[in-house]
PDB file of N, CA and C in Angstrom:
ATOM      1  N   UNK A   1      -9.072 -17.724  21.620  1.00  0.00           N
ATOM      2  CA  UNK A   1      -9.721 -18.989  21.871  1.00  0.00           C
ATOM      3  C   UNK A   1      -8.613 -20.036  21.988  1.00  0.00           C
ATOM      4  N   UNK A   2      -8.621 -20.833  23.044  1.00  0.00           N
ATOM      5  CA  UNK A   2      -7.584 -21.858  23.200  1.00  0.00           C
ATOM      6  C   UNK A   2      -7.664 -22.879  22.069  1.00  0.00           C
ATOM      7  N   UNK A   3      -6.546 -23.479  21.789  1.00  0.00           N
ATOM      8  CA  UNK A   3      -6.474 -24.453  20.704  1.00  0.00           C
ATOM      9  C   UNK A   3      -7.431 -25.607  20.922  1.00  0.00           C
ATOM     10  N   UNK A   4      -7.705 -25.945  22.176  1.00  0.00           N
ATOM     11  CA  UNK A   4      -8.605 -27.069  22.454  1.00  0.00           C
ATOM     12  C   UNK A   4     -10.054 -26.734  22.106  1.00  0.00           C
ATOM     13  N   UNK A   5     -10.377 -25.425  21.951  1.00  0.00           N
ATOM     14  CA  UNK A   5     -11.750 -25.025  21.649  1.00  0.00           C
ATOM     15  C   UNK A   5     -11.949 -24.631  20.197  1.00  0.00           C
ATOM     16  N   UNK A   6     -10.958 -24.795  19.370  1.00  0.00           N
ATOM     17  CA  UNK A   6     -11.082 -24.443  17.957  1.00  0.00           C
ATOM     18  C   UNK A   6     -12.052 -25.414  17.319  1.00  0.00           C
ATOM     19  N   UNK A   7     -13.097 -24.914  16.680  1.00  0.00           N
ATOM     20  CA  UNK A   7     -14.084 -25.809  16.077  1.00  0.00           C
ATOM     21  C   UNK A   7     -13.471 -26.559  14.901  1.00  0.00           C
ATOM     22  N   UNK A   8     -13.999 -27.726  14.708  1.00  0.00           N
ATOM     23  CA  UNK A   8     -13.563 -28.537  13.571  1.00  0.00           C
ATOM     24  C   UNK A   8     -14.066 -27.876  12.300  1.00  0.00           C
ATOM     25  N   UNK A   9     -13.291 -27.919  11.238  1.00  0.00           N
ATOM     26  CA  UNK A   9     -13.776 -27.354   9.976  1.00  0.00           C
ATOM     27  C   UNK A   9     -14.980 -28.146   9.490  1.00  0.00           C
ATOM     28  N   UNK A  10     -15.884 -27.430   8.821  1.00  0.00           N
ATOM     29  CA  UNK A  10     -17.088 -28.073   8.321  1.00  0.00           C
ATOM     30  C   UNK A  10     -16.712 -29.086   7.257  1.00  0.00           C
ATOM     31  N   UNK A  11     -17.483 -30.128   7.244  1.00  0.00           N
ATOM     32  CA  UNK A  11     -17.236 -31.158   6.236  1.00  0.00           C
ATOM     33  C   UNK A  11     -17.534 -30.580   4.870  1.00  0.00           C
ATOM     34  N   UNK A  12     -16.761 -30.961   3.907  1.00  0.00           N
ATOM     35  CA  UNK A  12     -16.966 -30.498   2.539  1.00  0.00           C
ATOM     36  C   UNK A  12     -18.268 -31.078   2.014  1.00  0.00           C
ATOM     37  N   UNK A  13     -19.115 -30.241   1.418  1.00  0.00           N
ATOM     38  CA  UNK A  13     -20.360 -30.770   0.871  1.00  0.00           C
ATOM     39  C   UNK A  13     -20.066 -31.656  -0.328  1.00  0.00           C
ATOM     40  N   UNK A  14     -20.970 -32.586  -0.543  1.00  0.00           N
ATOM     41  CA  UNK A  14     -20.825 -33.469  -1.702  1.00  0.00           C
ATOM     42  C   UNK A  14     -20.941 -32.647  -2.969  1.00  0.00           C
ATOM     43  N   UNK A  15     -20.129 -32.946  -3.952  1.00  0.00           N
ATOM     44  CA  UNK A  15     -20.132 -32.190  -5.200  1.00  0.00           C
ATOM     45  C   UNK A  15     -20.876 -32.946  -6.272  1.00  0.00           C
ATOM     46  N   UNK A  16     -21.641 -32.238  -7.012  1.00  0.00           N
ATOM     47  CA  UNK A  16     -22.341 -32.808  -8.150  1.00  0.00           C
ATOM     48  C   UNK A  16     -22.177 -31.820  -9.280  1.00  0.00           C
ATOM     49  N   UNK A  17     -21.515 -32.223 -10.343  1.00  0.00           N
ATOM     50  CA  UNK A  17     -21.210 -31.353 -11.468  1.00  0.00           C
ATOM     51  C   UNK A  17     -20.463 -30.106 -11.010  1.00  0.00           C
ATOM     52  N   UNK A  18     -19.595 -30.218 -10.013  1.00  0.00           N
ATOM     53  CA  UNK A  18     -18.747 -29.117  -9.570  1.00  0.00           C
ATOM     54  C   UNK A  18     -19.441 -28.142  -8.634  1.00  0.00           C
ATOM     55  N   UNK A  19     -20.658 -28.403  -8.234  1.00  0.00           N
ATOM     56  CA  UNK A  19     -21.375 -27.501  -7.333  1.00  0.00           C
ATOM     57  C   UNK A  19     -21.789 -28.251  -6.085  1.00  0.00           C
ATOM     58  N   UNK A  20     -21.860 -27.548  -4.997  1.00  0.00           N
ATOM     59  CA  UNK A  20     -22.255 -28.173  -3.742  1.00  0.00           C
ATOM     60  C   UNK A  20     -23.726 -28.524  -3.801  1.00  0.00           C
ATOM     61  N   UNK A  21     -24.039 -29.774  -3.446  1.00  0.00           N
ATOM     62  CA  UNK A  21     -25.422 -30.231  -3.456  1.00  0.00           C
ATOM     63  C   UNK A  21     -26.116 -29.684  -2.213  1.00  0.00           C
ATOM     64  N   UNK A  22     -27.226 -29.019  -2.383  1.00  0.00           N
ATOM     65  CA  UNK A  22     -28.006 -28.525  -1.276  1.00  0.00           C
ATOM     66  C   UNK A  22     -27.483 -27.237  -0.651  1.00  0.00           C
ATOM     67  N   UNK A  23     -26.227 -26.884  -0.891  1.00  0.00           N
ATOM     68  CA  UNK A  23     -25.676 -25.683  -0.265  1.00  0.00           C
ATOM     69  C   UNK A  23     -26.376 -24.434  -0.768  1.00  0.00           C
ATOM     70  N   UNK A  24     -26.640 -24.357  -2.055  1.00  0.00           N
ATOM     71  CA  UNK A  24     -27.304 -23.176  -2.620  1.00  0.00           C
ATOM     72  C   UNK A  24     -28.702 -23.024  -2.030  1.00  0.00           C
ATOM     73  N   UNK A  25     -29.418 -24.132  -1.883  1.00  0.00           N
ATOM     74  CA  UNK A  25     -30.758 -24.084  -1.302  1.00  0.00           C
ATOM     75  C   UNK A  25     -30.721 -23.678   0.151  1.00  0.00           C
ATOM     76  N   UNK A  26     -29.732 -24.197   0.913  1.00  0.00           N
ATOM     77  CA  UNK A  26     -29.593 -23.841   2.324  1.00  0.00           C
ATOM     78  C   UNK A  26     -29.281 -22.358   2.476  1.00  0.00           C
ATOM     79  N   UNK A  27     -28.373 -21.866   1.646  1.00  0.00           N
ATOM     80  CA  UNK A  27     -28.002 -20.451   1.710  1.00  0.00           C
ATOM     81  C   UNK A  27     -29.192 -19.577   1.346  1.00  0.00           C
ATOM     82  N   UNK A  28     -29.915 -19.982   0.313  1.00  0.00           N
ATOM     83  CA  UNK A  28     -31.084 -19.210  -0.106  1.00  0.00           C
ATOM     84  C   UNK A  28     -32.133 -19.150   1.008  1.00  0.00           C
ATOM     85  N   UNK A  29     -32.397 -20.297   1.651  1.00  0.00           N
ATOM     86  CA  UNK A  29     -33.366 -20.330   2.753  1.00  0.00           C
ATOM     87  C   UNK A  29     -32.884 -19.473   3.921  1.00  0.00           C
ATOM     88  N   UNK A  30     -31.603 -19.552   4.224  1.00  0.00           N
ATOM     89  CA  UNK A  30     -31.039 -18.778   5.332  1.00  0.00           C
ATOM     90  C   UNK A  30     -31.112 -17.283   5.035  1.00  0.00           C
ATOM     91  N   UNK A  31     -30.818 -16.897   3.795  1.00  0.00           N
ATOM     92  CA  UNK A  31     -30.918 -15.482   3.413  1.00  0.00           C
ATOM     93  C   UNK A  31     -32.367 -14.995   3.508  1.00  0.00           C
ATOM     94  N   UNK A  32     -33.297 -15.825   3.072  1.00  0.00           N
ATOM     95  CA  UNK A  32     -34.719 -15.462   3.157  1.00  0.00           C
ATOM     96  C   UNK A  32     -35.130 -15.286   4.615  1.00  0.00           C
ATOM     97  N   UNK A  33     -34.673 -16.216   5.469  1.00  0.00           N
ATOM     98  CA  UNK A  33     -34.989 -16.120   6.896  1.00  0.00           C
ATOM     99  C   UNK A  33     -34.379 -14.868   7.502  1.00  0.00           C
ATOM    100  N   UNK A  34     -33.138 -14.572   7.139  1.00  0.00           N
ATOM    101  CA  UNK A  34     -32.462 -13.375   7.672  1.00  0.00           C
ATOM    102  C   UNK A  34     -33.143 -12.103   7.187  1.00  0.00           C
ATOM    103  N   UNK A  35     -33.593 -12.097   5.921  1.00  0.00           N
ATOM    104  CA  UNK A  35     -34.317 -10.930   5.404  1.00  0.00           C
ATOM    105  C   UNK A  35     -35.606 -10.707   6.193  1.00  0.00           C
ATOM    106  N   UNK A  36     -36.304 -11.801   6.512  1.00  0.00           N
ATOM    107  CA  UNK A  36     -37.542 -11.688   7.286  1.00  0.00           C
ATOM    108  C   UNK A  36     -37.247 -11.145   8.683  1.00  0.00           C
ATOM    109  N   UNK A  37     -36.161 -11.592   9.288  1.00  0.00           N
ATOM    110  CA  UNK A  37     -35.783 -11.113  10.623  1.00  0.00           C
ATOM    111  C   UNK A  37     -35.451  -9.628  10.565  1.00  0.00           C
ATOM    112  N   UNK A  38     -34.691  -9.220   9.544  1.00  0.00           N
ATOM    113  CA  UNK A  38     -34.318  -7.800   9.403  1.00  0.00           C
ATOM    114  C   UNK A  38     -35.568  -6.951   9.178  1.00  0.00           C
ATOM    115  N   UNK A  39     -36.478  -7.427   8.336  1.00  0.00           N
ATOM    116  CA  UNK A  39     -37.724  -6.684   8.098  1.00  0.00           C
ATOM    117  C   UNK A  39     -38.529  -6.560   9.390  1.00  0.00           C
ATOM    118  N   UNK A  40     -38.567  -7.622  10.166  1.00  0.00           N
ATOM    119  CA  UNK A  40     -39.275  -7.586  11.446  1.00  0.00           C
ATOM    120  C   UNK A  40     -38.621  -6.586  12.402  1.00  0.00           C
ATOM    121  N   UNK A  41     -37.298  -6.598  12.447  1.00  0.00           N
ATOM    122  CA  UNK A  41     -36.578  -5.647  13.300  1.00  0.00           C
ATOM    123  C   UNK A  41     -36.819  -4.209  12.853  1.00  0.00           C
ATOM    124  N   UNK A  42     -36.814  -3.984  11.547  1.00  0.00           N
ATOM    125  CA  UNK A  42     -37.065  -2.634  11.031  1.00  0.00           C
ATOM    126  C   UNK A  42     -38.485  -2.182  11.352  1.00  0.00           C
ATOM    127  N   UNK A  43     -39.454  -3.088  11.231  1.00  0.00           N
ATOM    128  CA  UNK A  43     -40.836  -2.736  11.570  1.00  0.00           C
ATOM    129  C   UNK A  43     -40.938  -2.413  13.061  1.00  0.00           C
ATOM    130  N   UNK A  44     -40.285  -3.198  13.902  1.00  0.00           N
ATOM    131  CA  UNK A  44     -40.282  -2.926  15.339  1.00  0.00           C
ATOM    132  C   UNK A  44     -39.623  -1.601  15.652  1.00  0.00           C
ATOM    133  N   UNK A  45     -38.511  -1.334  14.967  1.00  0.00           N
ATOM    134  CA  UNK A  45     -37.814  -0.065  15.159  1.00  0.00           C
ATOM    135  C   UNK A  45     -38.706   1.099  14.759  1.00  0.00           C
ATOM    136  N   UNK A  46     -39.397   0.973  13.643  1.00  0.00           N
ATOM    137  CA  UNK A  46     -40.280   2.052  13.184  1.00  0.00           C
ATOM    138  C   UNK A  46     -41.423   2.273  14.167  1.00  0.00           C
ATOM    139  N   UNK A  47     -41.959   1.196  14.706  1.00  0.00           N
ATOM    140  CA  UNK A  47     -43.028   1.310  15.700  1.00  0.00           C
ATOM    141  C   UNK A  47     -42.526   2.025  16.953  1.00  0.00           C
ATOM    142  N   UNK A  48     -41.351   1.621  17.429  1.00  0.00           N
ATOM    143  CA  UNK A  48     -40.783   2.262  18.624  1.00  0.00           C
ATOM    144  C   UNK A  48     -40.465   3.728  18.337  1.00  0.00           C
ATOM    145  N   UNK A  49     -39.982   4.019  17.162  1.00  0.00           N
ATOM    146  CA  UNK A  49     -39.659   5.401  16.780  1.00  0.00           C
ATOM    147  C   UNK A  49     -40.929   6.250  16.802  1.00  0.00           C
ATOM    148  N   UNK A  50     -42.011   5.715  16.229  1.00  0.00           N
ATOM    149  CA  UNK A  50     -43.278   6.454  16.217  1.00  0.00           C
ATOM    150  C   UNK A  50     -43.800   6.670  17.634  1.00  0.00           C
ATOM    151  N   UNK A  51     -43.682   5.659  18.478  1.00  0.00           N
ATOM    152  CA  UNK A  51     -44.114   5.803  19.871  1.00  0.00           C
ATOM    153  C   UNK A  51     -43.279   6.848  20.597  1.00  0.00           C
ATOM    154  N   UNK A  52     -41.972   6.861  20.339  1.00  0.00           N
ATOM    155  CA  UNK A  52     -41.097   7.843  20.984  1.00  0.00           C
ATOM    156  C   UNK A  52     -41.456   9.257  20.521  1.00  0.00           C
ATOM    157  N   UNK A  53     -41.720   9.411  19.222  1.00  0.00           N
ATOM    158  CA  UNK A  53     -42.108  10.726  18.705  1.00  0.00           C
ATOM    159  C   UNK A  53     -43.428  11.179  19.327  1.00  0.00           C
ATOM    160  N   UNK A  54     -44.383  10.252  19.465  1.00  0.00           N
ATOM    161  CA  UNK A  54     -45.668  10.594  20.087  1.00  0.00           C
ATOM    162  C   UNK A  54     -45.476  10.972  21.546  1.00  0.00           C
ATOM    163  N   UNK A  55     -44.628  10.244  22.254  1.00  0.00           N
ATOM    164  CA  UNK A  55     -44.362  10.551  23.665  1.00  0.00           C
ATOM    165  C   UNK A  55     -43.711  11.929  23.797  1.00  0.00           C
ATOM    166  N   UNK A  56     -42.789  12.235  22.901  1.00  0.00           N
ATOM    167  CA  UNK A  56     -42.154  13.560  22.939  1.00  0.00           C
ATOM    168  C   UNK A  56     -43.166  14.664  22.657  1.00  0.00           C
ATOM    169  N   UNK A  57     -44.083  14.417  21.733  1.00  0.00           N
ATOM    170  CA  UNK A  57     -45.121  15.408  21.425  1.00  0.00           C
ATOM    171  C   UNK A  57     -46.046  15.595  22.631  1.00  0.00           C
ATOM    172  N   UNK A  58     -46.433  14.491  23.271  1.00  0.00           N
ATOM    173  CA  UNK A  58     -47.276  14.586  24.475  1.00  0.00           C
ATOM    174  C   UNK A  58     -46.550  15.350  25.572  1.00  0.00           C
ATOM    175  N   UNK A  59     -45.281  15.074  25.751  1.00  0.00           N
ATOM    176  CA  UNK A  59     -44.484  15.779  26.762  1.00  0.00           C
ATOM    177  C   UNK A  59     -44.441  17.271  26.454  1.00  0.00           C
ATOM    178  N   UNK A  60     -44.243  17.614  25.202  1.00  0.00           N
ATOM    179  CA  UNK A  60     -44.196  19.019  24.807  1.00  0.00           C
ATOM    180  C   UNK A  60     -45.523  19.709  25.123  1.00  0.00           C
ATOM    181  N   UNK A  61     -46.635  19.045  24.794  1.00  0.00           N
ATOM    182  CA  UNK A  61     -47.953  19.633  25.051  1.00  0.00           C
ATOM    183  C   UNK A  61     -48.207  19.800  26.545  1.00  0.00           C
ATOM    184  N   UNK A  62     -47.849  18.797  27.326  1.00  0.00           N
ATOM    185  CA  UNK A  62     -48.051  18.888  28.780  1.00  0.00           C
ATOM    186  C   UNK A  62     -47.174  19.969  29.390  1.00  0.00           C
ATOM    187  N   UNK A  63     -45.934  20.064  28.933  1.00  0.00           N
ATOM    188  CA  UNK A  63     -45.039  21.100  29.449  1.00  0.00           C
ATOM    189  C   UNK A  63     -45.580  22.483  29.089  1.00  0.00           C
ATOM    190  N   UNK A  64     -46.101  22.611  27.882  1.00  0.00           N
ATOM    191  CA  UNK A  64     -46.680  23.889  27.454  1.00  0.00           C
ATOM    192  C   UNK A  64     -47.915  24.225  28.286  1.00  0.00           C
ATOM    193  N   UNK A  65     -48.758  23.237  28.533  1.00  0.00           N
ATOM    194  CA  UNK A  65     -49.954  23.457  29.356  1.00  0.00           C
ATOM    195  C   UNK A  65     -49.563  23.852  30.778  1.00  0.00           C
ATOM    196  N   UNK A  66     -48.537  23.236  31.311  1.00  0.00           N
ATOM    197  CA  UNK A  66     -48.069  23.573  32.656  1.00  0.00           C
ATOM    198  C   UNK A  66     -47.534  24.999  32.698  1.00  0.00           C
ATOM    199  N   UNK A  67     -46.822  25.399  31.649  1.00  0.00           N
ATOM    200  CA  UNK A  67     -46.309  26.774  31.595  1.00  0.00           C
ATOM    201  C   UNK A  67     -47.452  27.781  31.525  1.00  0.00           C
ATOM    202  N   UNK A  68     -48.559  27.396  30.868  1.00  0.00           N
ATOM    203  CA  UNK A  68     -49.703  28.296  30.723  1.00  0.00           C
ATOM    204  C   UNK A  68     -50.471  28.475  32.028  1.00  0.00           C
ATOM    205  N   UNK A  69     -50.264  27.600  32.984  1.00  0.00           N
ATOM    206  CA  UNK A  69     -50.929  27.730  34.279  1.00  0.00           C
ATOM    207  C   UNK A  69     -49.984  28.440  35.241  1.00  0.00           C
ATOM    208  N   UNK A  70     -50.536  28.831  36.356  1.00  0.00           N
ATOM    209  CA  UNK A  70     -49.698  29.476  37.364  1.00  0.00           C
ATOM    210  C   UNK A  70     -49.250  28.476  38.426  1.00  0.00           C
ATOM    211  N   UNK A  71     -49.350  27.215  38.113  1.00  0.00           N
ATOM    212  CA  UNK A  71     -48.983  26.163  39.061  1.00  0.00           C
ATOM    213  C   UNK A  71     -47.497  25.894  38.939  1.00  0.00           C
ATOM    214  N   UNK A  72     -46.827  25.815  40.092  1.00  0.00           N
ATOM    215  CA  UNK A  72     -45.404  25.492  40.042  1.00  0.00           C
ATOM    216  C   UNK A  72     -45.246  24.011  39.737  1.00  0.00           C
ATOM    217  N   UNK A  73     -44.126  23.702  39.137  1.00  0.00           N
ATOM    218  CA  UNK A  73     -43.844  22.294  38.843  1.00  0.00           C
ATOM    219  C   UNK A  73     -43.602  21.555  40.154  1.00  0.00           C
ATOM    220  N   UNK A  74     -44.213  20.383  40.266  1.00  0.00           N
ATOM    221  CA  UNK A  74     -44.075  19.572  41.475  1.00  0.00           C
ATOM    222  C   UNK A  74     -43.782  18.133  41.073  1.00  0.00           C
ATOM    223  N   UNK A  75     -43.203  17.433  42.011  1.00  0.00           N
ATOM    224  CA  UNK A  75     -43.000  15.999  41.808  1.00  0.00           C
ATOM    225  C   UNK A  75     -44.361  15.314  41.870  1.00  0.00           C
ATOM    226  N   UNK A  76     -44.507  14.175  41.211  1.00  0.00           N
ATOM    227  CA  UNK A  76     -45.805  13.477  41.221  1.00  0.00           C
ATOM    228  C   UNK A  76     -46.327  13.190  42.624  1.00  0.00           C
ATOM    229  N   UNK A  77     -45.452  12.851  43.553  1.00  0.00           N
ATOM    230  CA  UNK A  77     -45.935  12.583  44.918  1.00  0.00           C
ATOM    231  C   UNK A  77     -46.450  13.853  45.569  1.00  0.00           C
ATOM    232  N   UNK A  78     -45.794  14.978  45.287  1.00  0.00           N
ATOM    233  CA  UNK A  78     -46.272  16.255  45.823  1.00  0.00           C
ATOM    234  C   UNK A  78     -47.622  16.612  45.209  1.00  0.00           C
ATOM    235  N   UNK A  79     -47.773  16.345  43.908  1.00  0.00           N
ATOM    236  CA  UNK A  79     -49.054  16.616  43.253  1.00  0.00           C
ATOM    237  C   UNK A  79     -50.159  15.759  43.869  1.00  0.00           C
ATOM    238  N   UNK A  80     -49.863  14.495  44.123  1.00  0.00           N
ATOM    239  CA  UNK A  80     -50.850  13.607  44.722  1.00  0.00           C
ATOM    240  C   UNK A  80     -51.254  14.124  46.101  1.00  0.00           C
ATOM    241  N   UNK A  81     -50.278  14.532  46.899  1.00  0.00           N
ATOM    242  CA  UNK A  81     -50.560  15.066  48.229  1.00  0.00           C
ATOM    243  C   UNK A  81     -51.413  16.324  48.115  1.00  0.00           C
ATOM    244  N   UNK A  82     -51.054  17.204  47.192  1.00  0.00           N
ATOM    245  CA  UNK A  82     -51.810  18.448  46.999  1.00  0.00           C
ATOM    246  C   UNK A  82     -53.242  18.158  46.559  1.00  0.00           C
ATOM    247  N   UNK A  83     -53.416  17.191  45.670  1.00  0.00           N
ATOM    248  CA  UNK A  83     -54.762  16.824  45.229  1.00  0.00           C
ATOM    249  C   UNK A  83     -55.596  16.284  46.387  1.00  0.00           C
ATOM    250  N   UNK A  84     -54.973  15.486  47.243  1.00  0.00           N
ATOM    251  CA  UNK A  84     -55.686  14.973  48.414  1.00  0.00           C
ATOM    252  C   UNK A  84     -56.074  16.107  49.347  1.00  0.00           C
ATOM    253  N   UNK A  85     -55.169  17.088  49.543  1.00  0.00           N
ATOM    254  CA  UNK A  85     -55.473  18.245  50.383  1.00  0.00           C
ATOM    255  C   UNK A  85     -56.641  19.035  49.800  1.00  0.00           C
ATOM    256  N   UNK A  86     -56.618  19.249  48.493  1.00  0.00           N
ATOM    257  CA  UNK A  86     -57.700  19.996  47.842  1.00  0.00           C
ATOM    258  C   UNK A  86     -59.022  19.245  47.926  1.00  0.00           C
ATOM    259  N   UNK A  87     -58.978  17.927  47.781  1.00  0.00           N
ATOM    260  CA  UNK A  87     -60.205  17.132  47.896  1.00  0.00           C
ATOM    261  C   UNK A  87     -60.780  17.251  49.305  1.00  0.00           C
ATOM    262  N   UNK A  88     -59.928  17.206  50.316  1.00  0.00           N
ATOM    263  CA  UNK A  88     -60.384  17.350  51.703  1.00  0.00           C
ATOM    264  C   UNK A  88     -60.971  18.743  51.930  1.00  0.00           C
ATOM    265  N   UNK A  89     -60.299  19.768  51.396  1.00  0.00           N
ATOM    266  CA  UNK A  89     -60.804  21.136  51.529  1.00  0.00           C
ATOM    267  C   UNK A  89     -62.168  21.265  50.839  1.00  0.00           C
ATOM    268  N   UNK A  90     -62.311  20.643  49.672  1.00  0.00           N
ATOM    269  CA  UNK A  90     -63.595  20.677  48.969  1.00  0.00           C
ATOM    270  C   UNK A  90     -64.686  20.001  49.793  1.00  0.00           C
ATOM    271  N   UNK A  91     -64.368  18.895  50.474  1.00  0.00           N
ATOM    272  CA  UNK A  91     -65.358  18.228  51.330  1.00  0.00           C
ATOM    273  C   UNK A  91     -65.780  19.140  52.479  1.00  0.00           C
ATOM    274  N   UNK A  92     -64.795  19.811  53.106  1.00  0.00           N
ATOM    275  CA  UNK A  92     -65.113  20.733  54.208  1.00  0.00           C
ATOM    276  C   UNK A  92     -65.978  21.893  53.699  1.00  0.00           C
ATOM    277  N   UNK A  93     -65.612  22.445  52.560  1.00  0.00           N
ATOM    278  CA  UNK A  93     -66.387  23.564  52.011  1.00  0.00           C
ATOM    279  C   UNK A  93     -67.795  23.124  51.635  1.00  0.00           C
ATOM    280  N   UNK A  94     -67.911  21.917  51.056  1.00  0.00           N
ATOM    281  CA  UNK A  94     -69.232  21.396  50.694  1.00  0.00           C
ATOM    282  C   UNK A  94     -70.087  21.243  51.951  1.00  0.00           C
ATOM    283  N   UNK A  95     -69.482  20.728  53.027  1.00  0.00           N
ATOM    284  CA  UNK A  95     -70.213  20.569  54.287  1.00  0.00           C
ATOM    285  C   UNK A  95     -70.647  21.930  54.822  1.00  0.00           C
ATOM    286  N   UNK A  96     -69.781  22.940  54.731  1.00  0.00           N
ATOM    287  CA  UNK A  96     -70.125  24.286  55.207  1.00  0.00           C
ATOM    288  C   UNK A  96     -71.255  24.877  54.369  1.00  0.00           C
ATOM    289  N   UNK A  97     -71.202  24.684  53.056  1.00  0.00           N
ATOM    290  CA  UNK A  97     -72.267  25.196  52.176  1.00  0.00           C
ATOM    291  C   UNK A  97     -73.588  24.487  52.487  1.00  0.00           C
ATOM    292  N   UNK A  98     -73.516  23.159  52.658  1.00  0.00           N
ATOM    293  CA  UNK A  98     -74.732  22.409  52.989  1.00  0.00           C
ATOM    294  C   UNK A  98     -75.325  22.879  54.316  1.00  0.00           C
ATOM    295  N   UNK A  99     -74.458  23.106  55.299  1.00  0.00           N
ATOM    296  CA  UNK A  99     -74.919  23.611  56.612  1.00  0.00           C
ATOM    297  C   UNK A  99     -75.542  24.997  56.445  1.00  0.00           C
ATOM    298  N   UNK A 100     -74.901  25.843  55.640  1.00  0.00           N
ATOM    299  CA  UNK A 100     -75.446  27.181  55.400  1.00  0.00           C
ATOM    300  C   UNK A 100     -76.801  27.117  54.713  1.00  0.00           C
ATOM    301  N   UNK A 101     -76.953  26.219  53.769  1.00  0.00           N
ATOM    302  CA  UNK A 101     -78.239  26.062  53.082  1.00  0.00           C
ATOM    303  C   UNK A 101     -79.310  25.586  54.058  1.00  0.00           C
ATOM    304  N   UNK A 102     -78.936  24.656  54.935  1.00  0.00           N
ATOM    305  CA  UNK A 102     -79.892  24.148  55.932  1.00  0.00           C
ATOM    306  C   UNK A 102     -80.315  25.268  56.876  1.00  0.00           C
ATOM    307  N   UNK A 103     -79.367  26.087  57.327  1.00  0.00           N
ATOM    308  CA  UNK A 103     -79.711  27.207  58.218  1.00  0.00           C
ATOM    309  C   UNK A 103     -80.601  28.216  57.504  1.00  0.00           C
ATOM    310  N   UNK A 104     -80.266  28.509  56.246  1.00  0.00           N
ATOM    311  CA  UNK A 104     -81.074  29.462  55.479  1.00  0.00           C
ATOM    312  C   UNK A 104     -82.499  28.928  55.325  1.00  0.00           C
ATOM    313  N   UNK A 105     -82.633  27.629  55.116  1.00  0.00           N
ATOM    314  CA  UNK A 105     -83.970  27.033  54.980  1.00  0.00           C
ATOM    315  C   UNK A 105     -84.737  27.130  56.302  1.00  0.00           C
ATOM    316  N   UNK A 106     -84.039  26.914  57.433  1.00  0.00           N
ATOM    317  CA  UNK A 106     -84.707  27.033  58.734  1.00  0.00           C
ATOM    318  C   UNK A 106     -85.155  28.484  58.973  1.00  0.00           C
ATOM    319  N   UNK A 107     -84.293  29.444  58.625  1.00  0.00           N
ATOM    320  CA  UNK A 107     -84.648  30.864  58.800  1.00  0.00           C
ATOM    321  C   UNK A 107     -85.842  31.205  57.917  1.00  0.00           C
ATOM    322  N   UNK A 108     -85.835  30.712  56.700  1.00  0.00           N
ATOM    323  CA  UNK A 108     -86.947  30.970  55.784  1.00  0.00           C
ATOM    324  C   UNK A 108     -88.237  30.393  56.349  1.00  0.00           C
ATOM    325  N   UNK A 109     -88.142  29.202  56.888  1.00  0.00           N
ATOM    326  CA  UNK A 109     -89.329  28.555  57.466  1.00  0.00           C
ATOM    327  C   UNK A 109     -89.852  29.371  58.646  1.00  0.00           C
ATOM    328  N   UNK A 110     -88.943  29.854  59.494  1.00  0.00           N
ATOM    329  CA  UNK A 110     -89.360  30.683  60.646  1.00  0.00           C
ATOM    330  C   UNK A 110     -90.014  31.978  60.174  1.00  0.00           C
ATOM    331  N   UNK A 111     -89.400  32.600  59.160  1.00  0.00           N
ATOM    332  CA  UNK A 111     -89.979  33.843  58.635  1.00  0.00           C
ATOM    333  C   UNK A 111     -91.364  33.597  58.075  1.00  0.00           C
ATOM    334  N   UNK A 112     -91.536  32.483  57.381  1.00  0.00           N
ATOM    335  CA  UNK A 112     -92.875  32.176  56.834  1.00  0.00           C
ATOM    336  C   UNK A 112     -93.881  31.941  57.972  1.00  0.00           C
ATOM    337  N   UNK A 113     -93.425  31.268  59.037  1.00  0.00           N
ATOM    338  CA  UNK A 113     -94.290  31.021  60.187  1.00  0.00           C
ATOM    339  C   UNK A 113     -94.669  32.347  60.840  1.00  0.00           C
ATOM    340  N   UNK A 114     -93.673  33.236  61.065  1.00  0.00           N
ATOM    341  CA  UNK A 114     -93.961  34.553  61.668  1.00  0.00           C
ATOM    342  C   UNK A 114     -94.886  35.373  60.776  1.00  0.00           C
ATOM    343  N   UNK A 115     -94.677  35.276  59.483  1.00  0.00           N
ATOM    344  CA  UNK A 115     -95.536  36.011  58.549  1.00  0.00           C
ATOM    345  C   UNK A 115     -96.968  35.516  58.625  1.00  0.00           C
ATOM    346  N   UNK A 116     -97.099  34.175  58.684  1.00  0.00           N
ATOM    347  CA  UNK A 116     -98.451  33.594  58.787  1.00  0.00           C
ATOM    348  C   UNK A 116     -99.112  33.977  60.116  1.00  0.00           C
ATOM    349  N   UNK A 117     -98.341  34.031  61.210  1.00  0.00           N
ATOM    350  CA  UNK A 117     -98.893  34.397  62.516  1.00  0.00           C
ATOM    351  C   UNK A 117     -99.286  35.871  62.552  1.00  0.00           C
ATOM    352  N   UNK A 118     -98.574  36.681  61.787  1.00  0.00           N
ATOM    353  CA  UNK A 118     -98.851  38.119  61.776  1.00  0.00           C
ATOM    354  C   UNK A 118    -100.083  38.474  60.986  1.00  0.00           C
ATOM    355  N   UNK A 119    -100.639  37.602  60.244  1.00  0.00           N
ATOM    356  CA  UNK A 119    -101.821  37.906  59.435  1.00  0.00           C
ATOM    357  C   UNK A 119    -103.041  37.793  60.222  1.00  0.00           C
TER     358      UNK A 119
END
């Protein structure tokens, strides 16, 4: 630090019976404030630690579930694309099943008509 930036020494506190007036109270208040800050930091640290442990446990469970399936690991964008492909395939299959049901109903109706005509 350059000599021009050296802070001035603090003024000597007024003495009363050989003790600094107000200094003990200021120090006590500052220590109390610092203790509160440290306690707050420790509580925050403990909260973050618990969240990290929970995240690691969730990751472990998901990784285990993925290993239990026959699905290869994919990037999230690939998974999204695959899900969209599967949704489209499901729509096509649903349409084919619905069409098949409609045709089966028409055939059933014709058979009932032919049966009624044959009586």
